[in-house]
PDB file of N, CA and C in Angstrom:
ATOM      1  N   MET A   1      14.033 -31.318  -3.439  1.00  0.00           N
ATOM      2  CA  MET A   1      14.729 -31.981  -2.351  1.00  0.00           C
ATOM      3  C   MET A   1      14.624 -33.486  -2.577  1.00  0.00           C
ATOM      4  N   SER A   2      15.723 -34.159  -2.434  1.00  0.00           N
ATOM      5  CA  SER A   2      15.744 -35.599  -2.670  1.00  0.00           C
ATOM      6  C   SER A   2      15.162 -36.346  -1.473  1.00  0.00           C
ATOM      7  N   ALA A   3      14.793 -37.586  -1.698  1.00  0.00           N
ATOM      8  CA  ALA A   3      14.245 -38.423  -0.634  1.00  0.00           C
ATOM      9  C   ALA A   3      15.273 -38.602   0.479  1.00  0.00           C
ATOM     10  N   ARG A   4      16.532 -38.680   0.111  1.00  0.00           N
ATOM     11  CA  ARG A   4      17.598 -38.836   1.107  1.00  0.00           C
ATOM     12  C   ARG A   4      17.701 -37.590   1.986  1.00  0.00           C
ATOM     13  N   SER A   5      17.582 -36.407   1.366  1.00  0.00           N
ATOM     14  CA  SER A   5      17.619 -35.158   2.123  1.00  0.00           C
ATOM     15  C   SER A   5      16.450 -35.066   3.095  1.00  0.00           C
ATOM     16  N   VAL A   6      15.285 -35.495   2.639  1.00  0.00           N
ATOM     17  CA  VAL A   6      14.105 -35.486   3.510  1.00  0.00           C
ATOM     18  C   VAL A   6      14.317 -36.432   4.682  1.00  0.00           C
ATOM     19  N   GLN A   7      14.821 -37.602   4.441  1.00  0.00           N
ATOM     20  CA  GLN A   7      15.075 -38.569   5.507  1.00  0.00           C
ATOM     21  C   GLN A   7      16.084 -38.016   6.506  1.00  0.00           C
ATOM     22  N   THR A   8      17.115 -37.369   6.016  1.00  0.00           N
ATOM     23  CA  THR A   8      18.120 -36.769   6.894  1.00  0.00           C
ATOM     24  C   THR A   8      17.489 -35.687   7.758  1.00  0.00           C
ATOM     25  N   ALA A   9      16.648 -34.855   7.166  1.00  0.00           N
ATOM     26  CA  ALA A   9      15.973 -33.785   7.908  1.00  0.00           C
ATOM     27  C   ALA A   9      15.041 -34.360   8.970  1.00  0.00           C
ATOM     28  N   VAL A  10      14.312 -35.408   8.638  1.00  0.00           N
ATOM     29  CA  VAL A  10      13.398 -36.034   9.600  1.00  0.00           C
ATOM     30  C   VAL A  10      14.179 -36.634  10.759  1.00  0.00           C
ATOM     31  N   ARG A  11      15.289 -37.269  10.481  1.00  0.00           N
ATOM     32  CA  ARG A  11      16.117 -37.829  11.561  1.00  0.00           C
ATOM     33  C   ARG A  11      16.655 -36.720  12.468  1.00  0.00           C
ATOM     34  N   ALA A  12      17.062 -35.607  11.881  1.00  0.00           N
ATOM     35  CA  ALA A  12      17.566 -34.485  12.678  1.00  0.00           C
ATOM     36  C   ALA A  12      16.469 -33.922  13.572  1.00  0.00           C
ATOM     37  N   LEU A  13      15.259 -33.812  13.052  1.00  0.00           N
ATOM     38  CA  LEU A  13      14.123 -33.334  13.863  1.00  0.00           C
ATOM     39  C   LEU A  13      13.829 -34.293  15.007  1.00  0.00           C
ATOM     40  N   ASP A  14      13.835 -35.582  14.711  1.00  0.00           N
ATOM     41  CA  ASP A  14      13.597 -36.574  15.760  1.00  0.00           C
ATOM     42  C   ASP A  14      14.667 -36.487  16.844  1.00  0.00           C
ATOM     43  N   LYS A  15      15.909 -36.341  16.430  1.00  0.00           N
ATOM     44  CA  LYS A  15      17.014 -36.246  17.387  1.00  0.00           C
ATOM     45  C   LYS A  15      16.868 -35.015  18.280  1.00  0.00           C
ATOM     46  N   ALA A  16      16.327 -33.935  17.723  1.00  0.00           N
ATOM     47  CA  ALA A  16      16.136 -32.689  18.473  1.00  0.00           C
ATOM     48  C   ALA A  16      14.878 -32.733  19.338  1.00  0.00           C
ATOM     49  N   GLY A  17      14.152 -33.830  19.296  1.00  0.00           N
ATOM     50  CA  GLY A  17      12.938 -33.943  20.105  1.00  0.00           C
ATOM     51  C   GLY A  17      11.692 -33.466  19.396  1.00  0.00           C
ATOM     52  N   GLY A  18      11.835 -33.125  18.130  1.00  0.00           N
ATOM     53  CA  GLY A  18      10.696 -32.693  17.342  1.00  0.00           C
ATOM     54  C   GLY A  18      10.467 -31.197  17.416  1.00  0.00           C
ATOM     55  N   LEU A  19       9.397 -30.782  16.790  1.00  0.00           N
ATOM     56  CA  LEU A  19       9.026 -29.378  16.750  1.00  0.00           C
ATOM     57  C   LEU A  19       7.863 -29.121  17.701  1.00  0.00           C
ATOM     58  N   VAL A  20       7.854 -27.963  18.312  1.00  0.00           N
ATOM     59  CA  VAL A  20       6.762 -27.580  19.208  1.00  0.00           C
ATOM     60  C   VAL A  20       6.311 -26.160  18.886  1.00  0.00           C
ATOM     61  N   THR A  21       5.043 -25.906  19.138  1.00  0.00           N
ATOM     62  CA  THR A  21       4.474 -24.573  18.955  1.00  0.00           C
ATOM     63  C   THR A  21       4.534 -23.815  20.274  1.00  0.00           C
ATOM     64  N   PRO A  22       4.371 -22.495  20.236  1.00  0.00           N
ATOM     65  CA  PRO A  22       4.305 -21.746  21.490  1.00  0.00           C
ATOM     66  C   PRO A  22       3.185 -22.249  22.411  1.00  0.00           C
ATOM     67  N   GLN A  23       2.056 -22.646  21.835  1.00  0.00           N
ATOM     68  CA  GLN A  23       0.965 -23.165  22.663  1.00  0.00           C
ATOM     69  C   GLN A  23       1.364 -24.453  23.358  1.00  0.00           C
ATOM     70  N   GLU A  24       2.046 -25.350  22.657  1.00  0.00           N
ATOM     71  CA  GLU A  24       2.504 -26.595  23.273  1.00  0.00           C
ATOM     72  C   GLU A  24       3.513 -26.321  24.383  1.00  0.00           C
ATOM     73  N   ILE A  25       4.397 -25.372  24.148  1.00  0.00           N
ATOM     74  CA  ILE A  25       5.367 -24.992  25.179  1.00  0.00           C
ATOM     75  C   ILE A  25       4.632 -24.487  26.414  1.00  0.00           C
ATOM     76  N   ALA A  26       3.677 -23.588  26.206  1.00  0.00           N
ATOM     77  CA  ALA A  26       2.906 -23.032  27.327  1.00  0.00           C
ATOM     78  C   ALA A  26       2.199 -24.139  28.101  1.00  0.00           C
ATOM     79  N   ASP A  27       1.554 -25.041  27.390  1.00  0.00           N
ATOM     80  CA  ASP A  27       0.827 -26.135  28.051  1.00  0.00           C
ATOM     81  C   ASP A  27       1.763 -27.027  28.855  1.00  0.00           C
ATOM     82  N   GLU A  28       2.899 -27.379  28.269  1.00  0.00           N
ATOM     83  CA  GLU A  28       3.842 -28.279  28.941  1.00  0.00           C
ATOM     84  C   GLU A  28       4.535 -27.613  30.121  1.00  0.00           C
ATOM     85  N   TRP A  29       4.777 -26.315  30.042  1.00  0.00           N
ATOM     86  CA  TRP A  29       5.508 -25.603  31.090  1.00  0.00           C
ATOM     87  C   TRP A  29       4.591 -25.004  32.144  1.00  0.00           C
ATOM     88  N   GLY A  30       3.279 -25.064  31.916  1.00  0.00           N
ATOM     89  CA  GLY A  30       2.348 -24.534  32.910  1.00  0.00           C
ATOM     90  C   GLY A  30       2.300 -23.017  32.959  1.00  0.00           C
ATOM     91  N   VAL A  31       2.517 -22.385  31.810  1.00  0.00           N
ATOM     92  CA  VAL A  31       2.419 -20.922  31.712  1.00  0.00           C
ATOM     93  C   VAL A  31       1.423 -20.612  30.602  1.00  0.00           C
ATOM     94  N   SER A  32       1.035 -19.354  30.494  1.00  0.00           N
ATOM     95  CA  SER A  32       0.099 -18.976  29.437  1.00  0.00           C
ATOM     96  C   SER A  32       0.843 -18.769  28.121  1.00  0.00           C
ATOM     97  N   LYS A  33       0.085 -18.823  27.034  1.00  0.00           N
ATOM     98  CA  LYS A  33       0.674 -18.563  25.726  1.00  0.00           C
ATOM     99  C   LYS A  33       1.168 -17.120  25.657  1.00  0.00           C
ATOM    100  N   GLN A  34       0.497 -16.218  26.375  1.00  0.00           N
ATOM    101  CA  GLN A  34       0.912 -14.820  26.395  1.00  0.00           C
ATOM    102  C   GLN A  34       2.294 -14.665  27.022  1.00  0.00           C
ATOM    103  N   VAL A  35       2.581 -15.443  28.053  1.00  0.00           N
ATOM    104  CA  VAL A  35       3.900 -15.397  28.690  1.00  0.00           C
ATOM    105  C   VAL A  35       4.968 -15.842  27.693  1.00  0.00           C
ATOM    106  N   VAL A  36       4.703 -16.917  26.985  1.00  0.00           N
ATOM    107  CA  VAL A  36       5.659 -17.393  25.977  1.00  0.00           C
ATOM    108  C   VAL A  36       5.843 -16.323  24.900  1.00  0.00           C
ATOM    109  N   SER A  37       4.761 -15.700  24.473  1.00  0.00           N
ATOM    110  CA  SER A  37       4.847 -14.632  23.466  1.00  0.00           C
ATOM    111  C   SER A  37       5.693 -13.469  23.964  1.00  0.00           C
ATOM    112  N   LYS A  38       5.573 -13.129  25.235  1.00  0.00           N
ATOM    113  CA  LYS A  38       6.386 -12.048  25.808  1.00  0.00           C
ATOM    114  C   LYS A  38       7.864 -12.418  25.790  1.00  0.00           C
ATOM    115  N   TRP A  39       8.178 -13.667  26.123  1.00  0.00           N
ATOM    116  CA  TRP A  39       9.569 -14.126  26.081  1.00  0.00           C
ATOM    117  C   TRP A  39      10.120 -14.015  24.657  1.00  0.00           C
ATOM    118  N   ILE A  40       9.293 -14.411  23.670  1.00  0.00           N
ATOM    119  CA  ILE A  40       9.716 -14.366  22.267  1.00  0.00           C
ATOM    120  C   ILE A  40       9.970 -12.920  21.857  1.00  0.00           C
ATOM    121  N   THR A  41       9.021 -12.032  22.165  1.00  0.00           N
ATOM    122  CA  THR A  41       9.140 -10.622  21.805  1.00  0.00           C
ATOM    123  C   THR A  41      10.346  -9.971  22.463  1.00  0.00           C
ATOM    124  N   ALA A  42      10.639 -10.370  23.700  1.00  0.00           N
ATOM    125  CA  ALA A  42      11.759  -9.793  24.441  1.00  0.00           C
ATOM    126  C   ALA A  42      13.112 -10.361  23.987  1.00  0.00           C
ATOM    127  N   GLY A  43      13.089 -11.327  23.070  1.00  0.00           N
ATOM    128  CA  GLY A  43      14.339 -11.914  22.594  1.00  0.00           C
ATOM    129  C   GLY A  43      14.936 -12.916  23.560  1.00  0.00           C
ATOM    130  N   ARG A  44      14.114 -13.417  24.465  1.00  0.00           N
ATOM    131  CA  ARG A  44      14.595 -14.386  25.467  1.00  0.00           C
ATOM    132  C   ARG A  44      14.253 -15.815  25.065  1.00  0.00           C
ATOM    133  N   PHE A  45      14.269 -16.074  23.775  1.00  0.00           N
ATOM    134  CA  PHE A  45      13.894 -17.384  23.269  1.00  0.00           C
ATOM    135  C   PHE A  45      14.689 -17.622  21.995  1.00  0.00           C
ATOM    136  N   PRO A  46      14.952 -18.875  21.631  1.00  0.00           N
ATOM    137  CA  PRO A  46      15.696 -19.130  20.385  1.00  0.00           C
ATOM    138  C   PRO A  46      14.867 -18.743  19.165  1.00  0.00           C
ATOM    139  N   GLU A  47      15.518 -18.627  18.039  1.00  0.00           N
ATOM    140  CA  GLU A  47      14.832 -18.322  16.783  1.00  0.00           C
ATOM    141  C   GLU A  47      13.957 -19.509  16.373  1.00  0.00           C
ATOM    142  N   PRO A  48      12.777 -19.230  15.813  1.00  0.00           N
ATOM    143  CA  PRO A  48      11.935 -20.337  15.344  1.00  0.00           C
ATOM    144  C   PRO A  48      12.489 -20.952  14.063  1.00  0.00           C
ATOM    145  N   VAL A  49      12.029 -22.147  13.775  1.00  0.00           N
ATOM    146  CA  VAL A  49      12.348 -22.814  12.519  1.00  0.00           C
ATOM    147  C   VAL A  49      11.543 -22.104  11.434  1.00  0.00           C
ATOM    148  N   LYS A  50      12.154 -21.839  10.314  1.00  0.00           N
ATOM    149  CA  LYS A  50      11.479 -21.149   9.217  1.00  0.00           C
ATOM    150  C   LYS A  50      10.463 -22.084   8.550  1.00  0.00           C
ATOM    151  N   VAL A  51       9.207 -21.643   8.527  1.00  0.00           N
ATOM    152  CA  VAL A  51       8.152 -22.363   7.811  1.00  0.00           C
ATOM    153  C   VAL A  51       7.300 -21.332   7.090  1.00  0.00           C
ATOM    154  N   ALA A  52       6.405 -21.797   6.277  1.00  0.00           N
ATOM    155  CA  ALA A  52       5.544 -20.889   5.511  1.00  0.00           C
ATOM    156  C   ALA A  52       4.595 -20.127   6.425  1.00  0.00           C
ATOM    157  N   GLY A  53       4.286 -18.918   6.035  1.00  0.00           N
ATOM    158  CA  GLY A  53       3.313 -18.130   6.772  1.00  0.00           C
ATOM    159  C   GLY A  53       3.846 -17.630   8.098  1.00  0.00           C
ATOM    160  N   ARG A  54       2.919 -17.422   9.026  1.00  0.00           N
ATOM    161  CA  ARG A  54       3.277 -16.856  10.323  1.00  0.00           C
ATOM    162  C   ARG A  54       3.421 -17.923  11.416  1.00  0.00           C
ATOM    163  N   VAL A  55       3.460 -19.171  11.024  1.00  0.00           N
ATOM    164  CA  VAL A  55       3.569 -20.269  11.984  1.00  0.00           C
ATOM    165  C   VAL A  55       4.962 -20.257  12.604  1.00  0.00           C
ATOM    166  N   ARG A  56       5.001 -20.302  13.930  1.00  0.00           N
ATOM    167  CA  ARG A  56       6.288 -20.401  14.639  1.00  0.00           C
ATOM    168  C   ARG A  56       6.418 -21.812  15.190  1.00  0.00           C
ATOM    169  N   LEU A  57       7.494 -22.457  14.826  1.00  0.00           N
ATOM    170  CA  LEU A  57       7.806 -23.778  15.357  1.00  0.00           C
ATOM    171  C   LEU A  57       9.220 -23.731  15.911  1.00  0.00           C
ATOM    172  N   TYR A  58       9.419 -24.426  17.006  1.00  0.00           N
ATOM    173  CA  TYR A  58      10.719 -24.422  17.675  1.00  0.00           C
ATOM    174  C   TYR A  58      11.209 -25.855  17.857  1.00  0.00           C
ATOM    175  N   LEU A  59      12.514 -26.026  17.764  1.00  0.00           N
ATOM    176  CA  LEU A  59      13.105 -27.323  18.074  1.00  0.00           C
ATOM    177  C   LEU A  59      13.066 -27.506  19.583  1.00  0.00           C
ATOM    178  N   ARG A  60      12.524 -28.621  20.007  1.00  0.00           N
ATOM    179  CA  ARG A  60      12.344 -28.868  21.438  1.00  0.00           C
ATOM    180  C   ARG A  60      13.660 -28.754  22.214  1.00  0.00           C
ATOM    181  N   ASP A  61      14.745 -29.293  21.670  1.00  0.00           N
ATOM    182  CA  ASP A  61      16.004 -29.251  22.421  1.00  0.00           C
ATOM    183  C   ASP A  61      16.564 -27.836  22.533  1.00  0.00           C
ATOM    184  N   GLN A  62      16.141 -26.922  21.654  1.00  0.00           N
ATOM    185  CA  GLN A  62      16.603 -25.543  21.753  1.00  0.00           C
ATOM    186  C   GLN A  62      15.800 -24.724  22.760  1.00  0.00           C
ATOM    187  N   VAL A  63      14.546 -25.099  23.008  1.00  0.00           N
ATOM    188  CA  VAL A  63      13.736 -24.323  23.957  1.00  0.00           C
ATOM    189  C   VAL A  63      13.845 -24.844  25.379  1.00  0.00           C
ATOM    190  N   GLU A  64      14.197 -26.100  25.548  1.00  0.00           N
ATOM    191  CA  GLU A  64      14.257 -26.680  26.904  1.00  0.00           C
ATOM    192  C   GLU A  64      15.159 -25.897  27.866  1.00  0.00           C
ATOM    193  N   PRO A  65      16.313 -25.386  27.427  1.00  0.00           N
ATOM    194  CA  PRO A  65      17.133 -24.609  28.369  1.00  0.00           C
ATOM    195  C   PRO A  65      16.446 -23.346  28.887  1.00  0.00           C
ATOM    196  N   PHE A  66      15.390 -22.905  28.217  1.00  0.00           N
ATOM    197  CA  PHE A  66      14.671 -21.703  28.619  1.00  0.00           C
ATOM    198  C   PHE A  66      13.511 -22.004  29.571  1.00  0.00           C
ATOM    199  N   ARG A  67      13.273 -23.293  29.843  1.00  0.00           N
ATOM    200  CA  ARG A  67      12.167 -23.691  30.732  1.00  0.00           C
ATOM    201  C   ARG A  67      12.402 -23.092  32.116  1.00  0.00           C
ATOM    202  N   PRO A  68      11.374 -22.410  32.656  1.00  0.00           N
ATOM    203  CA  PRO A  68      11.544 -21.840  34.011  1.00  0.00           C
ATOM    204  C   PRO A  68      11.727 -22.951  35.047  1.00  0.00           C
ATOM    205  N   GLN A  69      12.578 -22.686  35.984  1.00  0.00           N
ATOM    206  CA  GLN A  69      12.799 -23.637  37.081  1.00  0.00           C
ATOM    207  C   GLN A  69      11.681 -23.480  38.097  1.00  0.00           C
ATOM    208  N   SER A  70      11.106 -24.599  38.525  1.00  0.00           N
ATOM    209  CA  SER A  70      10.041 -24.499  39.524  1.00  0.00           C
ATOM    210  C   SER A  70      10.480 -24.998  40.870  1.00  0.00           C
TER     211      SER A  70
END
């Protein structure tokens, strides 16, 4: 991957609000990580960004519409 491609990818991530983990989502939304996991398993969440291993990362702007209304 060229340096230009990396810069473009970083800008796109910044524009999307960055990447968040299920734990960060749970902490910010005031729910448990288990609740977020249930939403993911039930298909009520966007697809994660592909990374190595079993790490799930989500684009912040894609998960925000799923935030429960309080």
